[in-house]
Protein backbone atom coordinates (compact mmCIF):
# COMPACT_ATOMS: atom_id res chain seq x y z
CA MET A 1 0.00 0.00 0.00
CA ALA A 2 1.29 3.45 -0.84
CA ILE A 3 1.87 5.05 2.54
CA GLY A 4 3.15 8.44 1.49
CA ARG A 5 6.93 8.54 1.48
CA LEU A 6 7.28 5.38 3.49
CA MET A 7 10.76 4.47 4.63
CA GLN A 8 12.20 0.96 4.80
CA GLY A 9 11.46 -0.80 8.06
CA LYS A 10 8.30 1.12 8.98
CA PRO A 11 4.90 -0.62 9.17
CA HIS A 12 3.27 -1.40 5.84
CA ALA A 13 -0.47 -0.90 5.28
CA ASP A 14 -1.18 -4.36 3.90
CA THR A 15 -0.70 -5.79 7.37
CA PRO A 16 -0.01 -3.05 9.93
CA GLY A 17 2.62 -3.76 12.54
CA VAL A 18 4.75 -5.84 10.15
CA THR A 19 7.62 -4.12 8.40
CA ILE A 20 7.91 -3.86 4.67
CA GLY A 21 11.26 -5.64 4.96
CA ALA A 22 9.39 -8.93 5.51
CA PRO A 23 6.74 -9.12 2.77
CA ARG A 24 6.13 -12.84 3.13
CA THR A 25 5.56 -12.39 6.88
CA TYR A 26 2.80 -9.82 6.49
CA GLU A 27 1.34 -11.78 3.56
CA LEU A 28 0.90 -14.73 5.92
CA CYS A 29 -0.31 -12.44 8.71
CA GLY A 30 -2.89 -10.98 6.33
CA ALA A 31 -4.18 -14.43 5.49
CA PHE A 32 -4.45 -15.23 9.20
CA CYS A 33 -6.36 -12.01 9.98
CA PHE A 34 -9.01 -12.88 7.39
CA ALA A 35 -9.59 -16.29 8.99
CA GLY A 36 -9.70 -18.14 5.70
CA ARG A 37 -11.95 -15.58 3.96
CA ARG A 38 -9.29 -13.50 2.28
CA ASN A 39 -9.61 -14.91 -1.22
CA ARG A 40 -13.42 -14.67 -1.08
CA ALA A 41 -13.29 -11.10 0.24
CA PHE A 42 -10.83 -9.81 -2.35
CA THR A 43 -12.54 -11.60 -5.22
CA ARG A 44 -15.70 -9.79 -4.10
CA LEU A 45 -13.81 -6.50 -4.07
CA ALA A 46 -12.62 -7.05 -7.63
CA ALA A 47 -16.24 -7.52 -8.68
CA LEU A 48 -17.33 -4.41 -6.74
CA SER A 49 -14.75 -2.32 -8.59
CA GLY A 50 -16.88 -2.61 -11.72
CA ALA A 51 -13.82 -3.38 -13.85
CA GLN A 52 -14.70 -4.85 -17.23
CA ARG A 53 -12.84 -7.13 -19.60
CA GLY A 54 -10.13 -5.14 -21.34
CA ASP A 55 -9.99 -2.36 -18.73
CA ARG A 56 -6.80 -0.56 -17.74
CA VAL A 57 -6.63 -0.85 -13.93
CA LEU A 58 -4.45 0.89 -11.36
CA ASP A 59 -4.02 -0.51 -7.83
CA VAL A 60 -2.72 2.27 -5.58
CA GLY A 61 -0.76 0.92 -2.65
CA CYS A 62 -0.75 -2.59 -4.08
CA GLY A 63 1.46 -4.17 -1.42
CA THR A 64 2.15 -7.80 -2.28
CA GLY A 65 -0.34 -7.64 -5.15
CA TYR A 66 -3.13 -9.69 -3.61
CA LEU A 67 -5.90 -7.47 -4.99
CA THR A 68 -3.84 -6.62 -8.08
CA ARG A 69 -3.83 -10.25 -9.19
CA ARG A 70 -7.59 -10.54 -8.70
CA MET A 71 -8.10 -7.42 -10.76
CA ALA A 72 -6.02 -9.07 -13.49
CA LEU A 73 -8.48 -11.97 -13.56
CA ALA A 74 -11.39 -9.52 -13.77
CA VAL A 75 -10.07 -7.68 -16.84
CA GLY A 76 -8.72 -10.75 -18.63
CA PRO A 77 -5.67 -11.04 -20.90
CA GLU A 78 -6.89 -8.19 -23.09
CA GLY A 79 -6.74 -5.79 -20.12
CA SER A 80 -3.83 -4.40 -18.11
CA VAL A 81 -3.20 -3.93 -14.39
CA THR A 82 -0.58 -1.71 -12.77
CA GLY A 83 0.29 -1.85 -9.09
CA VAL A 84 1.99 1.10 -7.38
CA ASP A 85 3.75 0.88 -4.03
CA PRO A 86 6.66 2.73 -2.36
CA SER A 87 8.49 -0.41 -1.20
CA PRO A 88 10.99 -2.08 -3.58
CA SER A 89 11.08 -5.27 -1.49
CA VAL A 90 7.28 -5.58 -1.50
CA LEU A 91 7.15 -4.98 -5.25
CA ALA A 92 9.82 -7.63 -5.80
CA TYR A 93 7.69 -10.08 -3.84
CA ALA A 94 4.59 -9.12 -5.85
CA ARG A 95 6.45 -9.71 -9.12
CA ARG A 96 7.53 -13.16 -7.97
CA LYS A 97 3.95 -14.03 -7.04
CA ASP A 98 2.48 -12.80 -10.33
CA ARG A 99 1.06 -15.53 -12.55
CA ALA A 100 -0.85 -14.24 -15.55
CA GLY A 101 -2.93 -17.41 -16.10
CA GLN A 102 -6.28 -16.39 -17.55
CA GLY A 103 -5.86 -12.77 -16.53
CA ALA A 104 -3.84 -9.75 -17.53
CA ALA A 105 -0.16 -9.62 -16.77
CA CYS A 106 0.47 -7.34 -13.80
CA GLY A 107 3.00 -4.53 -13.99
CA TYR A 108 4.45 -3.03 -10.82
CA ARG A 109 6.15 0.31 -10.29
CA GLU A 110 7.54 2.22 -7.33
CA GLY A 111 5.58 5.31 -6.37
CA VAL A 112 3.52 7.09 -3.73
CA ALA A 113 -0.21 7.74 -3.59
CA GLU A 114 0.06 11.52 -3.39
CA ASP A 115 2.23 11.80 -6.52
CA LEU A 116 1.57 8.87 -8.86
CA GLY A 117 3.63 10.16 -11.77
CA LEU A 118 1.23 8.64 -14.32
CA PRO A 119 -0.51 10.32 -17.28
CA ASP A 120 -3.88 12.06 -16.91
CA GLY A 121 -6.90 9.91 -17.77
CA SER A 122 -4.84 6.78 -18.39
CA PHE A 123 -6.96 4.25 -16.47
CA ASP A 124 -10.52 2.94 -16.64
CA THR A 125 -10.60 1.72 -13.03
CA VAL A 126 -8.61 2.67 -9.93
CA VAL A 127 -8.67 0.57 -6.75
CA THR A 128 -6.98 1.08 -3.41
CA SER A 129 -7.29 -1.19 -0.38
CA LEU A 130 -6.23 -0.67 3.24
CA MET A 131 -4.06 2.31 2.35
CA LEU A 132 -5.71 5.66 3.11
CA HIS A 133 -5.73 5.34 6.90
CA HIS A 134 -1.93 5.11 6.87
CA LEU A 135 -1.55 8.44 5.12
CA PRO A 136 -1.42 11.58 7.24
CA GLU A 137 -4.86 13.19 7.17
CA GLU A 138 -3.61 16.16 5.17
CA LEU A 139 -2.36 13.87 2.37
CA ARG A 140 -5.54 11.83 1.93
CA PRO A 141 -7.35 14.42 -0.24
CA THR A 142 -4.19 14.79 -2.34
CA ALA A 143 -4.00 11.04 -2.90
CA LEU A 144 -7.64 10.85 -3.95
CA LYS A 145 -7.28 13.80 -6.31
CA GLU A 146 -4.34 11.98 -7.90
CA MET A 147 -6.61 8.97 -8.43
CA TRP A 148 -9.21 11.31 -9.96
CA ARG A 149 -6.55 12.76 -12.27
CA VAL A 150 -5.34 9.43 -13.67
CA LEU A 151 -8.89 8.14 -14.25
CA ARG A 152 -10.55 8.83 -17.57
CA PRO A 153 -13.89 10.70 -17.42
CA GLY A 154 -16.48 8.08 -16.53
CA GLY A 155 -13.83 5.87 -14.94
CA ARG A 156 -14.54 3.94 -11.74
CA LEU A 157 -12.99 4.11 -8.27
CA LEU A 158 -13.09 1.57 -5.43
CA VAL A 159 -11.70 2.60 -2.03
CA VAL A 160 -11.50 -0.17 0.58
CA GLU A 161 -10.73 0.35 4.24
CA PHE A 162 -10.60 -1.67 7.42
CA ARG A 163 -13.80 -1.55 9.47
CA PRO A 164 -13.08 -1.73 13.22
CA PRO A 165 -15.11 -4.34 15.11
CA ASN A 166 -18.14 -3.20 17.09
CA SER A 167 -17.45 -5.33 20.15
CA ALA A 168 -15.11 -4.24 22.93
CA LEU A 169 -13.25 -7.56 22.70
CA GLY A 170 -12.86 -7.23 18.95
CA ARG A 171 -11.54 -3.68 19.30
CA HIS A 172 -9.10 -4.83 21.97
CA LEU A 173 -7.79 -7.65 19.75
CA VAL A 174 -7.45 -5.38 16.74
CA HIS A 175 -5.76 -2.63 18.73
CA GLY A 176 -3.28 -5.13 20.18
CA GLY A 177 -2.61 -7.03 16.96
CA LEU A 178 -2.98 -4.48 14.16
CA GLY A 179 -2.26 -1.14 15.71
CA HIS A 180 -3.93 2.12 16.66
CA ALA A 181 -4.52 3.36 13.09
CA MET A 182 -6.65 0.33 12.28
CA SER A 183 -8.58 0.09 15.54
CA HIS A 184 -9.60 3.78 15.40
CA ASN A 185 -10.20 4.04 11.66
CA ARG A 186 -12.95 6.65 10.94
CA THR A 187 -14.63 4.86 8.06
CA ASP A 188 -17.70 7.09 8.48
CA LEU A 189 -15.65 9.90 6.92
CA LEU A 190 -14.61 7.91 3.87
CA ASP A 191 -17.40 8.81 1.46
CA GLY A 192 -17.05 12.50 2.29
CA ILE A 193 -13.33 12.45 1.48
CA VAL A 194 -14.00 10.62 -1.80
CA ALA A 195 -16.75 13.08 -2.78
CA GLY A 196 -14.52 16.00 -1.83
CA ALA A 197 -11.95 14.86 -4.40
CA GLY A 198 -14.53 15.26 -7.17
CA PHE A 199 -15.96 11.75 -7.42
CA GLU A 200 -19.62 10.84 -7.69
CA ILE A 201 -20.47 8.32 -4.96
CA ARG A 202 -22.01 5.23 -6.56
CA GLY A 203 -22.30 2.93 -3.55
CA THR A 204 -21.05 1.98 -0.10
CA GLY A 205 -21.11 -1.24 1.90
CA ASP A 206 -19.23 -3.87 3.85
CA VAL A 207 -17.41 -7.06 2.95
CA ARG A 208 -17.00 -9.59 5.72
CA PRO A 209 -15.22 -9.89 8.00
CA TRP A 210 -13.41 -6.55 8.35
CA LEU A 211 -13.79 -4.38 5.26
CA THR A 212 -15.87 -1.41 4.15
CA TYR A 213 -15.86 0.19 0.73
CA VAL A 214 -16.89 3.24 -1.27
CA GLN A 215 -17.58 3.04 -5.00
CA GLY A 216 -17.09 6.23 -6.96
CA ALA A 217 -16.81 7.48 -10.52
CA ARG A 218 -15.16 10.43 -12.18
CA PRO A 219 -17.98 12.39 -13.84
CA MET A 220 -18.09 12.37 -17.62
CA SER A 221 -17.76 16.15 -17.67
CA GLU A 222 -16.55 18.34 -14.84
CA GLU A 223 -14.41 21.25 -13.86
CA PRO A 224 -10.84 20.07 -13.25
CA VAL A 225 -10.05 19.34 -9.61
CA PRO A 226 -6.86 21.27 -8.82
CA ARG A 227 -3.86 19.27 -7.71
CA MET A 228 -2.70 19.90 -4.19
CA GLY A 229 0.71 21.53 -3.93
């Protein structure tokens, strides 16, 4: 996940509390946290993105490429999927895991969410999962406006975040195992941040066991949203 200008050895958003120097460790930790439902949950997220066969997809903060690879299956071999992440070691792991199979080949590049360095309007679908809460609050609008910029008019956005448990025990376990940023994640603010970046909100909801999402779209015609300095 693109966590601003993340430095080596700091926690990585794919599995908070595990450093980006150990991508296989947090990949296994992520699987454990989803209690066997990870593949089902992320396959559902790929469907919720609205990506179609042949789409050009960007995964912002791709981490080890778990969602990236499922997006590749959604768009098929005629599509393309690019994952962006600030960690070279995580990207190297994602490249090793990539198997095109029946889907698009995945391309991975180093970069940060608030300055993607990609052409305007170059993607049909942008997805980001478990990334925004790790950005400083002042950078979150900038990151979303970058996603708006690289989407074509009419393009689709899917933002996925961790939904803290309702029970006191669940919150205690999450706080102890995944860290403060996850256990106090203000997902009720998510749709407002997305709308503030210029997106039309198309839907919201939850995916069990721990995820919430916002579906958005860049309007077909609009005044340009200025980039943040």
